Amino acid sequence: MYQSQAGLLKEIDEIRKKMISAARETGYTSEETVRYSQELDQLILDYQTLRMVPSLQREKGKHLINQLGLIEKKKKIWLSA
């Protein structure tokens, strides 16, 4: 998997250009065009996944903070009993 969105976007653009070129030269349904199309699909999926990671990490962080808050509340209740 790619470490940066910029690197992945560059690869997406390169494969897109190759796919368009292959489609013009060999047709839209040629093996070469379809192969590039499938590779492009995977790269786009990788890009979308890479973009989601920070959002998912933020959500996990919020959940963890909420859990810690609940633990502290339970701890205070237990200590006051």
PDB file of N, CA and C in Angstrom:
ATOM      1  N   MET A   1       0.843  -1.176   0.000  1.00  0.00           N
ATOM      2  CA  MET A   1       0.000   0.000   0.000  1.00  0.00           C
ATOM      3  C   MET A   1       0.895   1.249   0.000  1.00  0.00           C
ATOM      4  N   TYR A   2       0.389   2.316  -0.530  1.00  0.00           N
ATOM      5  CA  TYR A   2       1.134   3.560  -0.651  1.00  0.00           C
ATOM      6  C   TYR A   2       1.184   4.299   0.681  1.00  0.00           C
ATOM      7  N   GLN A   3       2.274   4.999   0.908  1.00  0.00           N
ATOM      8  CA  GLN A   3       2.455   5.752   2.139  1.00  0.00           C
ATOM      9  C   GLN A   3       1.848   7.150   2.050  1.00  0.00           C
ATOM     10  N   SER A   4       1.693   7.664   0.835  1.00  0.00           N
ATOM     11  CA  SER A   4       1.157   9.020   0.718  1.00  0.00           C
ATOM     12  C   SER A   4       0.073   9.066  -0.344  1.00  0.00           C
ATOM     13  N   GLN A   5      -0.844   9.981  -0.125  1.00  0.00           N
ATOM     14  CA  GLN A   5      -1.918  10.180  -1.097  1.00  0.00           C
ATOM     15  C   GLN A   5      -1.358  10.726  -2.404  1.00  0.00           C
ATOM     16  N   ALA A   6      -0.348  11.582  -2.307  1.00  0.00           N
ATOM     17  CA  ALA A   6       0.230  12.184  -3.510  1.00  0.00           C
ATOM     18  C   ALA A   6       0.840  11.125  -4.424  1.00  0.00           C
ATOM     19  N   GLY A   7       1.576  10.176  -3.854  1.00  0.00           N
ATOM     20  CA  GLY A   7       2.175   9.100  -4.648  1.00  0.00           C
ATOM     21  C   GLY A   7       1.122   8.236  -5.312  1.00  0.00           C
ATOM     22  N   LEU A   8       0.080   7.963  -4.574  1.00  0.00           N
ATOM     23  CA  LEU A   8      -1.005   7.145  -5.116  1.00  0.00           C
ATOM     24  C   LEU A   8      -1.750   7.893  -6.221  1.00  0.00           C
ATOM     25  N   LEU A   9      -1.986   9.176  -6.031  1.00  0.00           N
ATOM     26  CA  LEU A   9      -2.655   9.963  -7.077  1.00  0.00           C
ATOM     27  C   LEU A   9      -1.826  10.010  -8.355  1.00  0.00           C
ATOM     28  N   LYS A  10      -0.516  10.088  -8.203  1.00  0.00           N
ATOM     29  CA  LYS A  10       0.365  10.090  -9.374  1.00  0.00           C
ATOM     30  C   LYS A  10       0.250   8.766 -10.124  1.00  0.00           C
ATOM     31  N   GLU A  11       0.248   7.665  -9.381  1.00  0.00           N
ATOM     32  CA  GLU A  11       0.110   6.338  -9.997  1.00  0.00           C
ATOM     33  C   GLU A  11      -1.258   6.193 -10.676  1.00  0.00           C
ATOM     34  N   ILE A  12      -2.305   6.690 -10.043  1.00  0.00           N
ATOM     35  CA  ILE A  12      -3.651   6.652 -10.633  1.00  0.00           C
ATOM     36  C   ILE A  12      -3.653   7.394 -11.964  1.00  0.00           C
ATOM     37  N   ASP A  13      -3.047   8.561 -11.991  1.00  0.00           N
ATOM     38  CA  ASP A  13      -3.011   9.359 -13.216  1.00  0.00           C
ATOM     39  C   ASP A  13      -2.237   8.643 -14.325  1.00  0.00           C
ATOM     40  N   GLU A  14      -1.120   8.006 -13.970  1.00  0.00           N
ATOM     41  CA  GLU A  14      -0.319   7.286 -14.971  1.00  0.00           C
ATOM     42  C   GLU A  14      -1.096   6.110 -15.558  1.00  0.00           C
ATOM     43  N   ILE A  15      -1.748   5.342 -14.708  1.00  0.00           N
ATOM     44  CA  ILE A  15      -2.511   4.184 -15.189  1.00  0.00           C
ATOM     45  C   ILE A  15      -3.719   4.644 -15.998  1.00  0.00           C
ATOM     46  N   ARG A  16      -4.349   5.738 -15.579  1.00  0.00           N
ATOM     47  CA  ARG A  16      -5.490   6.273 -16.340  1.00  0.00           C
ATOM     48  C   ARG A  16      -5.056   6.641 -17.752  1.00  0.00           C
ATOM     49  N   LYS A  17      -3.902   7.294 -17.875  1.00  0.00           N
ATOM     50  CA  LYS A  17      -3.391   7.663 -19.199  1.00  0.00           C
ATOM     51  C   LYS A  17      -3.097   6.427 -20.046  1.00  0.00           C
ATOM     52  N   LYS A  18      -2.502   5.406 -19.426  1.00  0.00           N
ATOM     53  CA  LYS A  18      -2.217   4.162 -20.157  1.00  0.00           C
ATOM     54  C   LYS A  18      -3.511   3.490 -20.606  1.00  0.00           C
ATOM     55  N   MET A  19      -4.521   3.507 -19.743  1.00  0.00           N
ATOM     56  CA  MET A  19      -5.800   2.893 -20.083  1.00  0.00           C
ATOM     57  C   MET A  19      -6.448   3.614 -21.265  1.00  0.00           C
ATOM     58  N   ILE A  20      -6.435   4.929 -21.242  1.00  0.00           N
ATOM     59  CA  ILE A  20      -7.023   5.710 -22.334  1.00  0.00           C
ATOM     60  C   ILE A  20      -6.275   5.433 -23.641  1.00  0.00           C
ATOM     61  N   SER A  21      -4.967   5.401 -23.554  1.00  0.00           N
ATOM     62  CA  SER A  21      -4.154   5.117 -24.737  1.00  0.00           C
ATOM     63  C   SER A  21      -4.450   3.721 -25.280  1.00  0.00           C
ATOM     64  N   ALA A  22      -4.526   2.748 -24.382  1.00  0.00           N
ATOM     65  CA  ALA A  22      -4.829   1.376 -24.808  1.00  0.00           C
ATOM     66  C   ALA A  22      -6.214   1.297 -25.438  1.00  0.00           C
ATOM     67  N   ALA A  23      -7.177   2.000 -24.876  1.00  0.00           N
ATOM     68  CA  ALA A  23      -8.535   1.984 -25.413  1.00  0.00           C
ATOM     69  C   ALA A  23      -8.565   2.568 -26.824  1.00  0.00           C
ATOM     70  N   ARG A  24      -7.812   3.622 -27.045  1.00  0.00           N
ATOM     71  CA  ARG A  24      -7.763   4.243 -28.374  1.00  0.00           C
ATOM     72  C   ARG A  24      -7.083   3.333 -29.400  1.00  0.00           C
ATOM     73  N   GLU A  25      -6.024   2.632 -28.940  1.00  0.00           N
ATOM     74  CA  GLU A  25      -5.249   1.809 -29.867  1.00  0.00           C
ATOM     75  C   GLU A  25      -5.836   0.412 -30.080  1.00  0.00           C
ATOM     76  N   THR A  26      -6.368  -0.174 -29.018  1.00  0.00           N
ATOM     77  CA  THR A  26      -6.804  -1.574 -29.127  1.00  0.00           C
ATOM     78  C   THR A  26      -8.281  -1.791 -28.877  1.00  0.00           C
ATOM     79  N   GLY A  27      -9.000  -0.737 -28.530  1.00  0.00           N
ATOM     80  CA  GLY A  27     -10.437  -0.845 -28.296  1.00  0.00           C
ATOM     81  C   GLY A  27     -10.770  -0.888 -26.812  1.00  0.00           C
ATOM     82  N   TYR A  28     -12.010  -0.536 -26.525  1.00  0.00           N
ATOM     83  CA  TYR A  28     -12.458  -0.442 -25.136  1.00  0.00           C
ATOM     84  C   TYR A  28     -12.545  -1.787 -24.436  1.00  0.00           C
ATOM     85  N   THR A  29     -12.735  -2.843 -25.182  1.00  0.00           N
ATOM     86  CA  THR A  29     -12.906  -4.158 -24.563  1.00  0.00           C
ATOM     87  C   THR A  29     -11.682  -5.053 -24.728  1.00  0.00           C
ATOM     88  N   SER A  30     -10.583  -4.494 -25.195  1.00  0.00           N
ATOM     89  CA  SER A  30      -9.382  -5.306 -25.369  1.00  0.00           C
ATOM     90  C   SER A  30      -8.854  -5.755 -24.003  1.00  0.00           C
ATOM     91  N   GLU A  31      -8.090  -6.826 -24.030  1.00  0.00           N
ATOM     92  CA  GLU A  31      -7.513  -7.365 -22.799  1.00  0.00           C
ATOM     93  C   GLU A  31      -6.649  -6.322 -22.091  1.00  0.00           C
ATOM     94  N   GLU A  32      -5.860  -5.606 -22.853  1.00  0.00           N
ATOM     95  CA  GLU A  32      -4.969  -4.598 -22.282  1.00  0.00           C
ATOM     96  C   GLU A  32      -5.758  -3.474 -21.605  1.00  0.00           C
ATOM     97  N   THR A  33      -6.790  -2.981 -22.272  1.00  0.00           N
ATOM     98  CA  THR A  33      -7.605  -1.904 -21.714  1.00  0.00           C
ATOM     99  C   THR A  33      -8.308  -2.359 -20.444  1.00  0.00           C
ATOM    100  N   VAL A  34      -8.867  -3.549 -20.482  1.00  0.00           N
ATOM    101  CA  VAL A  34      -9.571  -4.088 -19.313  1.00  0.00           C
ATOM    102  C   VAL A  34      -8.599  -4.272 -18.145  1.00  0.00           C
ATOM    103  N   ARG A  35      -7.388  -4.735 -18.433  1.00  0.00           N
ATOM    104  CA  ARG A  35      -6.380  -4.931 -17.380  1.00  0.00           C
ATOM    105  C   ARG A  35      -6.043  -3.593 -16.724  1.00  0.00           C
ATOM    106  N   TYR A  36      -5.839  -2.558 -17.544  1.00  0.00           N
ATOM    107  CA  TYR A  36      -5.561  -1.230 -16.984  1.00  0.00           C
ATOM    108  C   TYR A  36      -6.766  -0.711 -16.186  1.00  0.00           C
ATOM    109  N   SER A  37      -7.941  -0.964 -16.690  1.00  0.00           N
ATOM    110  CA  SER A  37      -9.153  -0.535 -16.004  1.00  0.00           C
ATOM    111  C   SER A  37      -9.256  -1.192 -14.622  1.00  0.00           C
ATOM    112  N   GLN A  38      -8.975  -2.478 -14.566  1.00  0.00           N
ATOM    113  CA  GLN A  38      -9.031  -3.189 -13.288  1.00  0.00           C
ATOM    114  C   GLN A  38      -7.948  -2.695 -12.329  1.00  0.00           C
ATOM    115  N   GLU A  39      -6.776  -2.427 -12.863  1.00  0.00           N
ATOM    116  CA  GLU A  39      -5.694  -1.894 -12.033  1.00  0.00           C
ATOM    117  C   GLU A  39      -6.078  -0.514 -11.500  1.00  0.00           C
ATOM    118  N   LEU A  40      -6.684   0.281 -12.351  1.00  0.00           N
ATOM    119  CA  LEU A  40      -7.130   1.614 -11.950  1.00  0.00           C
ATOM    120  C   LEU A  40      -8.200   1.521 -10.864  1.00  0.00           C
ATOM    121  N   ASP A  41      -9.124   0.596 -11.021  1.00  0.00           N
ATOM    122  CA  ASP A  41     -10.157   0.386  -9.997  1.00  0.00           C
ATOM    123  C   ASP A  41      -9.520   0.095  -8.641  1.00  0.00           C
ATOM    124  N   GLN A  42      -8.525  -0.782  -8.626  1.00  0.00           N
ATOM    125  CA  GLN A  42      -7.863  -1.147  -7.375  1.00  0.00           C
ATOM    126  C   GLN A  42      -7.127   0.046  -6.769  1.00  0.00           C
ATOM    127  N   LEU A  43      -6.466   0.820  -7.618  1.00  0.00           N
ATOM    128  CA  LEU A  43      -5.744   2.001  -7.123  1.00  0.00           C
ATOM    129  C   LEU A  43      -6.710   3.031  -6.529  1.00  0.00           C
ATOM    130  N   ILE A  44      -7.851   3.205  -7.176  1.00  0.00           N
ATOM    131  CA  ILE A  44      -8.849   4.148  -6.664  1.00  0.00           C
ATOM    132  C   ILE A  44      -9.395   3.662  -5.327  1.00  0.00           C
ATOM    133  N   LEU A  45      -9.638   2.369  -5.215  1.00  0.00           N
ATOM    134  CA  LEU A  45     -10.091   1.795  -3.948  1.00  0.00           C
ATOM    135  C   LEU A  45      -9.025   2.008  -2.858  1.00  0.00           C
ATOM    136  N   ASP A  46      -7.757   1.780  -3.213  1.00  0.00           N
ATOM    137  CA  ASP A  46      -6.662   2.017  -2.269  1.00  0.00           C
ATOM    138  C   ASP A  46      -6.637   3.475  -1.819  1.00  0.00           C
ATOM    139  N   TYR A  47      -6.848   4.386  -2.769  1.00  0.00           N
ATOM    140  CA  TYR A  47      -6.851   5.818  -2.449  1.00  0.00           C
ATOM    141  C   TYR A  47      -7.992   6.155  -1.487  1.00  0.00           C
ATOM    142  N   GLN A  48      -9.171   5.642  -1.777  1.00  0.00           N
ATOM    143  CA  GLN A  48     -10.318   5.902  -0.908  1.00  0.00           C
ATOM    144  C   GLN A  48     -10.068   5.342   0.493  1.00  0.00           C
ATOM    145  N   THR A  49      -9.468   4.161   0.565  1.00  0.00           N
ATOM    146  CA  THR A  49      -9.153   3.551   1.853  1.00  0.00           C
ATOM    147  C   THR A  49      -8.131   4.390   2.603  1.00  0.00           C
ATOM    148  N   LEU A  50      -7.104   4.849   1.896  1.00  0.00           N
ATOM    149  CA  LEU A  50      -6.068   5.674   2.505  1.00  0.00           C
ATOM    150  C   LEU A  50      -6.657   6.968   3.055  1.00  0.00           C
ATOM    151  N   ARG A  51      -7.597   7.531   2.341  1.00  0.00           N
ATOM    152  CA  ARG A  51      -8.231   8.772   2.799  1.00  0.00           C
ATOM    153  C   ARG A  51      -9.106   8.542   4.023  1.00  0.00           C
ATOM    154  N   MET A  52      -9.654   7.343   4.157  1.00  0.00           N
ATOM    155  CA  MET A  52     -10.540   7.032   5.283  1.00  0.00           C
ATOM    156  C   MET A  52      -9.769   6.810   6.584  1.00  0.00           C
ATOM    157  N   VAL A  53      -8.536   6.398   6.512  1.00  0.00           N
ATOM    158  CA  VAL A  53      -7.773   6.029   7.705  1.00  0.00           C
ATOM    159  C   VAL A  53      -7.752   7.147   8.749  1.00  0.00           C
ATOM    160  N   PRO A  54      -7.401   8.392   8.402  1.00  0.00           N
ATOM    161  CA  PRO A  54      -7.401   9.438   9.440  1.00  0.00           C
ATOM    162  C   PRO A  54      -8.771   9.630  10.082  1.00  0.00           C
ATOM    163  N   SER A  55      -9.813   9.540   9.287  1.00  0.00           N
ATOM    164  CA  SER A  55     -11.166   9.693   9.809  1.00  0.00           C
ATOM    165  C   SER A  55     -11.492   8.567  10.786  1.00  0.00           C
ATOM    166  N   LEU A  56     -11.128   7.346  10.428  1.00  0.00           N
ATOM    167  CA  LEU A  56     -11.375   6.208  11.311  1.00  0.00           C
ATOM    168  C   LEU A  56     -10.557   6.324  12.589  1.00  0.00           C
ATOM    169  N   GLN A  57      -9.333   6.808  12.471  1.00  0.00           N
ATOM    170  CA  GLN A  57      -8.493   6.978  13.654  1.00  0.00           C
ATOM    171  C   GLN A  57      -9.096   8.027  14.597  1.00  0.00           C
ATOM    172  N   ARG A  58      -9.637   9.102  14.028  1.00  0.00           N
ATOM    173  CA  ARG A  58     -10.285  10.118  14.860  1.00  0.00           C
ATOM    174  C   ARG A  58     -11.473   9.528  15.606  1.00  0.00           C
ATOM    175  N   GLU A  59     -12.276   8.723  14.902  1.00  0.00           N
ATOM    176  CA  GLU A  59     -13.438   8.104  15.534  1.00  0.00           C
ATOM    177  C   GLU A  59     -13.013   7.146  16.643  1.00  0.00           C
ATOM    178  N   LYS A  60     -11.962   6.372  16.396  1.00  0.00           N
ATOM    179  CA  LYS A  60     -11.459   5.473  17.430  1.00  0.00           C
ATOM    180  C   LYS A  60     -10.968   6.268  18.629  1.00  0.00           C
ATOM    181  N   GLY A  61     -10.289   7.383  18.363  1.00  0.00           N
ATOM    182  CA  GLY A  61      -9.803   8.237  19.439  1.00  0.00           C
ATOM    183  C   GLY A  61     -10.938   8.797  20.275  1.00  0.00           C
ATOM    184  N   LYS A  62     -11.997   9.253  19.618  1.00  0.00           N
ATOM    185  CA  LYS A  62     -13.156   9.776  20.338  1.00  0.00           C
ATOM    186  C   LYS A  62     -13.782   8.691  21.199  1.00  0.00           C
ATOM    187  N   HIS A  63     -13.896   7.502  20.645  1.00  0.00           N
ATOM    188  CA  HIS A  63     -14.477   6.375  21.384  1.00  0.00           C
ATOM    189  C   HIS A  63     -13.614   6.046  22.600  1.00  0.00           C
ATOM    190  N   LEU A  64     -12.305   6.029  22.418  1.00  0.00           N
ATOM    191  CA  LEU A  64     -11.381   5.729  23.511  1.00  0.00           C
ATOM    192  C   LEU A  64     -11.491   6.781  24.616  1.00  0.00           C
ATOM    193  N   ILE A  65     -11.569   8.045  24.234  1.00  0.00           N
ATOM    194  CA  ILE A  65     -11.712   9.114  25.226  1.00  0.00           C
ATOM    195  C   ILE A  65     -13.016   8.948  26.003  1.00  0.00           C
ATOM    196  N   ASN A  66     -14.092   8.612  25.298  1.00  0.00           N
ATOM    197  CA  ASN A  66     -15.371   8.374  25.970  1.00  0.00           C
ATOM    198  C   ASN A  66     -15.260   7.205  26.949  1.00  0.00           C
ATOM    199  N   GLN A  67     -14.602   6.140  26.537  1.00  0.00           N
ATOM    200  CA  GLN A  67     -14.431   4.974  27.410  1.00  0.00           C
ATOM    201  C   GLN A  67     -13.623   5.341  28.650  1.00  0.00           C
ATOM    202  N   LEU A  68     -12.559   6.127  28.451  1.00  0.00           N
ATOM    203  CA  LEU A  68     -11.746   6.548  29.596  1.00  0.00           C
ATOM    204  C   LEU A  68     -12.563   7.402  30.558  1.00  0.00           C
ATOM    205  N   GLY A  69     -13.406   8.253  30.018  1.00  0.00           N
ATOM    206  CA  GLY A  69     -14.277   9.079  30.855  1.00  0.00           C
ATOM    207  C   GLY A  69     -15.220   8.222  31.683  1.00  0.00           C
ATOM    208  N   LEU A  70     -15.770   7.184  31.090  1.00  0.00           N
ATOM    209  CA  LEU A  70     -16.661   6.276  31.816  1.00  0.00           C
ATOM    210  C   LEU A  70     -15.904   5.529  32.910  1.00  0.00           C
ATOM    211  N   ILE A  71     -14.694   5.137  32.624  1.00  0.00           N
ATOM    212  CA  ILE A  71     -13.881   4.429  33.620  1.00  0.00           C
ATOM    213  C   ILE A  71     -13.618   5.342  34.812  1.00  0.00           C
ATOM    214  N   GLU A  72     -13.281   6.596  34.531  1.00  0.00           N
ATOM    215  CA  GLU A  72     -13.028   7.547  35.612  1.00  0.00           C
ATOM    216  C   GLU A  72     -14.283   7.760  36.459  1.00  0.00           C
ATOM    217  N   LYS A  73     -15.439   7.862  35.823  1.00  0.00           N
ATOM    218  CA  LYS A  73     -16.696   8.036  36.561  1.00  0.00           C
ATOM    219  C   LYS A  73     -16.956   6.836  37.452  1.00  0.00           C
ATOM    220  N   LYS A  74     -16.768   5.628  36.910  1.00  0.00           N
ATOM    221  CA  LYS A  74     -16.978   4.412  37.696  1.00  0.00           C
ATOM    222  C   LYS A  74     -15.990   4.354  38.856  1.00  0.00           C
ATOM    223  N   LYS A  75     -14.773   4.777  38.603  1.00  0.00           N
ATOM    224  CA  LYS A  75     -13.736   4.766  39.630  1.00  0.00           C
ATOM    225  C   LYS A  75     -14.118   5.709  40.777  1.00  0.00           C
ATOM    226  N   LYS A  76     -14.624   6.906  40.464  1.00  0.00           N
ATOM    227  CA  LYS A  76     -15.046   7.856  41.488  1.00  0.00           C
ATOM    228  C   LYS A  76     -16.212   7.299  42.294  1.00  0.00           C
ATOM    229  N   ILE A  77     -17.159   6.674  41.613  1.00  0.00           N
ATOM    230  CA  ILE A  77     -18.310   6.091  42.301  1.00  0.00           C
ATOM    231  C   ILE A  77     -17.852   4.977  43.228  1.00  0.00           C
ATOM    232  N   TRP A  78     -16.959   4.141  42.742  1.00  0.00           N
ATOM    233  CA  TRP A  78     -16.467   3.026  43.538  1.00  0.00           C
ATOM    234  C   TRP A  78     -15.692   3.508  44.756  1.00  0.00           C
ATOM    235  N   LEU A  79     -14.853   4.549  44.556  1.00  0.00           N
ATOM    236  CA  LEU A  79     -14.057   5.071  45.664  1.00  0.00           C
ATOM    237  C   LEU A  79     -14.910   5.796  46.707  1.00  0.00           C
ATOM    238  N   SER A  80     -16.006   6.389  46.285  1.00  0.00           N
ATOM    239  CA  SER A  80     -16.869   7.107  47.220  1.00  0.00           C
ATOM    240  C   SER A  80     -17.805   6.183  47.977  1.00  0.00           C
ATOM    241  N   ALA A  81     -17.908   4.952  47.561  1.00  0.00           N
ATOM    242  CA  ALA A  81     -18.827   4.004  48.214  1.00  0.00           C
ATOM    243  C   ALA A  81     -18.272   3.430  49.476  1.00  0.00           C
TER     244      ALA A  81
END
